[in-house]
Protein backbone atom coordinates (compact mmCIF):
# COMPACT_ATOMS: atom_id res chain seq x y z
CA UNK A 1 0.00 0.00 0.00
CA UNK A 2 1.24 3.44 -0.92
CA UNK A 3 1.64 6.17 1.70
CA UNK A 4 0.04 9.61 1.49
CA UNK A 5 1.22 12.04 -1.15
CA UNK A 6 3.09 15.22 -0.29
CA UNK A 7 -0.05 17.22 -1.12
CA UNK A 8 -2.18 15.08 1.22
CA UNK A 9 0.35 15.56 4.00
CA UNK A 10 0.40 19.33 3.46
CA UNK A 11 -3.40 19.47 3.59
CA UNK A 12 -3.53 17.38 6.78
CA UNK A 13 -0.87 19.55 8.41
CA UNK A 14 -2.69 22.73 7.41
CA UNK A 15 -6.06 21.53 8.73
CA UNK A 16 -4.63 20.18 11.97
CA UNK A 17 -2.65 23.39 12.53
CA UNK A 18 -5.80 25.44 12.04
CA UNK A 19 -7.64 23.26 14.55
CA UNK A 20 -4.79 23.59 17.07
CA UNK A 21 -4.82 27.38 16.69
CA UNK A 22 -8.61 27.53 17.16
CA UNK A 23 -8.39 25.36 20.27
CA UNK A 24 -5.59 27.48 21.74
CA UNK A 25 -7.58 30.64 21.02
CA UNK A 26 -10.65 29.19 22.75
CA UNK A 27 -8.61 28.33 25.84
CA UNK A 28 -7.13 31.84 25.91
CA UNK A 29 -10.51 33.52 25.37
CA UNK A 30 -12.22 31.54 28.12
CA UNK A 31 -9.28 32.03 30.49
CA UNK A 32 -9.28 35.79 29.86
CA UNK A 33 -13.00 35.96 30.55
CA UNK A 34 -12.27 34.31 33.87
CA UNK A 35 -9.58 36.96 34.41
CA UNK A 36 -6.83 34.40 34.86
CA UNK A 37 -3.22 35.58 34.96
CA UNK A 38 -1.22 35.26 31.74
CA UNK A 39 1.18 32.75 33.34
CA UNK A 40 -1.72 30.51 34.31
CA UNK A 41 -3.12 30.65 30.77
CA UNK A 42 0.27 29.61 29.36
CA UNK A 43 0.43 26.79 31.89
CA UNK A 44 -3.02 25.55 30.91
CA UNK A 45 -2.09 25.56 27.21
CA UNK A 46 1.17 23.69 27.84
CA UNK A 47 -0.55 21.03 29.95
CA UNK A 48 -3.65 20.65 27.74
CA UNK A 49 -3.80 16.95 26.74
CA UNK A 50 -5.51 17.44 23.39
CA UNK A 51 -3.18 20.27 22.36
CA UNK A 52 -0.14 18.19 23.29
CA UNK A 53 -1.47 15.24 21.30
CA UNK A 54 -2.05 17.50 18.28
CA UNK A 55 1.49 18.88 18.55
CA UNK A 56 2.89 15.34 18.59
CA UNK A 57 0.85 14.37 15.54
CA UNK A 58 1.90 17.53 13.70
CA UNK A 59 5.53 16.75 14.43
CA UNK A 60 5.14 13.24 13.01
CA UNK A 61 3.33 14.53 9.93
CA UNK A 62 6.05 17.11 9.29
CA UNK A 63 8.76 14.43 9.56
CA UNK A 64 6.80 12.20 7.19
CA UNK A 65 6.40 15.10 4.77
CA UNK A 66 10.16 15.76 4.88
CA UNK A 67 10.83 12.10 4.07
CA UNK A 68 8.36 12.19 1.20
CA UNK A 69 9.91 15.38 -0.15
CA UNK A 70 13.45 14.04 0.10
CA UNK A 71 12.43 10.78 -1.60
CA UNK A 72 10.93 12.74 -4.50
CA UNK A 73 14.21 14.63 -4.95
CA UNK A 74 16.20 11.39 -5.39
C-alpha atoms as a PDB file:
ATOM      1  CA  UNK A   1       0.000   0.000   0.000  1.00  0.00           C
ATOM      2  CA  UNK A   2       1.243   3.439  -0.918  1.00  0.00           C
ATOM      3  CA  UNK A   3       1.635   6.170   1.696  1.00  0.00           C
ATOM      4  CA  UNK A   4       0.043   9.606   1.485  1.00  0.00           C
ATOM      5  CA  UNK A   5       1.223  12.042  -1.153  1.00  0.00           C
ATOM      6  CA  UNK A   6       3.087  15.224  -0.293  1.00  0.00           C
ATOM      7  CA  UNK A   7      -0.046  17.218  -1.118  1.00  0.00           C
ATOM      8  CA  UNK A   8      -2.185  15.077   1.219  1.00  0.00           C
ATOM      9  CA  UNK A   9       0.345  15.560   4.000  1.00  0.00           C
ATOM     10  CA  UNK A  10       0.402  19.332   3.455  1.00  0.00           C
ATOM     11  CA  UNK A  11      -3.398  19.471   3.591  1.00  0.00           C
ATOM     12  CA  UNK A  12      -3.528  17.380   6.778  1.00  0.00           C
ATOM     13  CA  UNK A  13      -0.867  19.547   8.409  1.00  0.00           C
ATOM     14  CA  UNK A  14      -2.691  22.726   7.409  1.00  0.00           C
ATOM     15  CA  UNK A  15      -6.056  21.533   8.729  1.00  0.00           C
ATOM     16  CA  UNK A  16      -4.635  20.178  11.967  1.00  0.00           C
ATOM     17  CA  UNK A  17      -2.652  23.386  12.533  1.00  0.00           C
ATOM     18  CA  UNK A  18      -5.801  25.443  12.038  1.00  0.00           C
ATOM     19  CA  UNK A  19      -7.642  23.257  14.551  1.00  0.00           C
ATOM     20  CA  UNK A  20      -4.788  23.593  17.070  1.00  0.00           C
ATOM     21  CA  UNK A  21      -4.824  27.378  16.690  1.00  0.00           C
ATOM     22  CA  UNK A  22      -8.612  27.530  17.163  1.00  0.00           C
ATOM     23  CA  UNK A  23      -8.388  25.364  20.265  1.00  0.00           C
ATOM     24  CA  UNK A  24      -5.586  27.484  21.740  1.00  0.00           C
ATOM     25  CA  UNK A  25      -7.582  30.643  21.023  1.00  0.00           C
ATOM     26  CA  UNK A  26     -10.646  29.191  22.745  1.00  0.00           C
ATOM     27  CA  UNK A  27      -8.607  28.332  25.836  1.00  0.00           C
ATOM     28  CA  UNK A  28      -7.129  31.842  25.905  1.00  0.00           C
ATOM     29  CA  UNK A  29     -10.507  33.522  25.371  1.00  0.00           C
ATOM     30  CA  UNK A  30     -12.222  31.541  28.115  1.00  0.00           C
ATOM     31  CA  UNK A  31      -9.284  32.034  30.488  1.00  0.00           C
ATOM     32  CA  UNK A  32      -9.278  35.788  29.865  1.00  0.00           C
ATOM     33  CA  UNK A  33     -13.003  35.965  30.550  1.00  0.00           C
ATOM     34  CA  UNK A  34     -12.268  34.305  33.866  1.00  0.00           C
ATOM     35  CA  UNK A  35      -9.583  36.960  34.412  1.00  0.00           C
ATOM     36  CA  UNK A  36      -6.834  34.398  34.856  1.00  0.00           C
ATOM     37  CA  UNK A  37      -3.222  35.576  34.956  1.00  0.00           C
ATOM     38  CA  UNK A  38      -1.222  35.255  31.744  1.00  0.00           C
ATOM     39  CA  UNK A  39       1.183  32.745  33.344  1.00  0.00           C
ATOM     40  CA  UNK A  40      -1.721  30.512  34.307  1.00  0.00           C
ATOM     41  CA  UNK A  41      -3.121  30.649  30.766  1.00  0.00           C
ATOM     42  CA  UNK A  42       0.268  29.607  29.357  1.00  0.00           C
ATOM     43  CA  UNK A  43       0.432  26.786  31.887  1.00  0.00           C
ATOM     44  CA  UNK A  44      -3.018  25.553  30.906  1.00  0.00           C
ATOM     45  CA  UNK A  45      -2.087  25.555  27.208  1.00  0.00           C
ATOM     46  CA  UNK A  46       1.172  23.686  27.841  1.00  0.00           C
ATOM     47  CA  UNK A  47      -0.552  21.031  29.951  1.00  0.00           C
ATOM     48  CA  UNK A  48      -3.648  20.645  27.737  1.00  0.00           C
ATOM     49  CA  UNK A  49      -3.795  16.953  26.739  1.00  0.00           C
ATOM     50  CA  UNK A  50      -5.512  17.437  23.390  1.00  0.00           C
ATOM     51  CA  UNK A  51      -3.183  20.267  22.355  1.00  0.00           C
ATOM     52  CA  UNK A  52      -0.145  18.191  23.292  1.00  0.00           C
ATOM     53  CA  UNK A  53      -1.472  15.242  21.298  1.00  0.00           C
ATOM     54  CA  UNK A  54      -2.050  17.496  18.282  1.00  0.00           C
ATOM     55  CA  UNK A  55       1.492  18.884  18.552  1.00  0.00           C
ATOM     56  CA  UNK A  56       2.890  15.342  18.591  1.00  0.00           C
ATOM     57  CA  UNK A  57       0.853  14.366  15.539  1.00  0.00           C
ATOM     58  CA  UNK A  58       1.904  17.531  13.700  1.00  0.00           C
ATOM     59  CA  UNK A  59       5.534  16.748  14.429  1.00  0.00           C
ATOM     60  CA  UNK A  60       5.139  13.239  13.010  1.00  0.00           C
ATOM     61  CA  UNK A  61       3.334  14.532   9.926  1.00  0.00           C
ATOM     62  CA  UNK A  62       6.051  17.111   9.293  1.00  0.00           C
ATOM     63  CA  UNK A  63       8.758  14.430   9.558  1.00  0.00           C
ATOM     64  CA  UNK A  64       6.802  12.201   7.186  1.00  0.00           C
ATOM     65  CA  UNK A  65       6.402  15.102   4.766  1.00  0.00           C
ATOM     66  CA  UNK A  66      10.157  15.761   4.880  1.00  0.00           C
ATOM     67  CA  UNK A  67      10.834  12.097   4.072  1.00  0.00           C
ATOM     68  CA  UNK A  68       8.364  12.187   1.199  1.00  0.00           C
ATOM     69  CA  UNK A  69       9.911  15.382  -0.153  1.00  0.00           C
ATOM     70  CA  UNK A  70      13.452  14.039   0.104  1.00  0.00           C
ATOM     71  CA  UNK A  71      12.433  10.776  -1.599  1.00  0.00           C
ATOM     72  CA  UNK A  72      10.927  12.740  -4.496  1.00  0.00           C
ATOM     73  CA  UNK A  73      14.206  14.626  -4.951  1.00  0.00           C
ATOM     74  CA  UNK A  74      16.202  11.391  -5.392  1.00  0.00           C
END
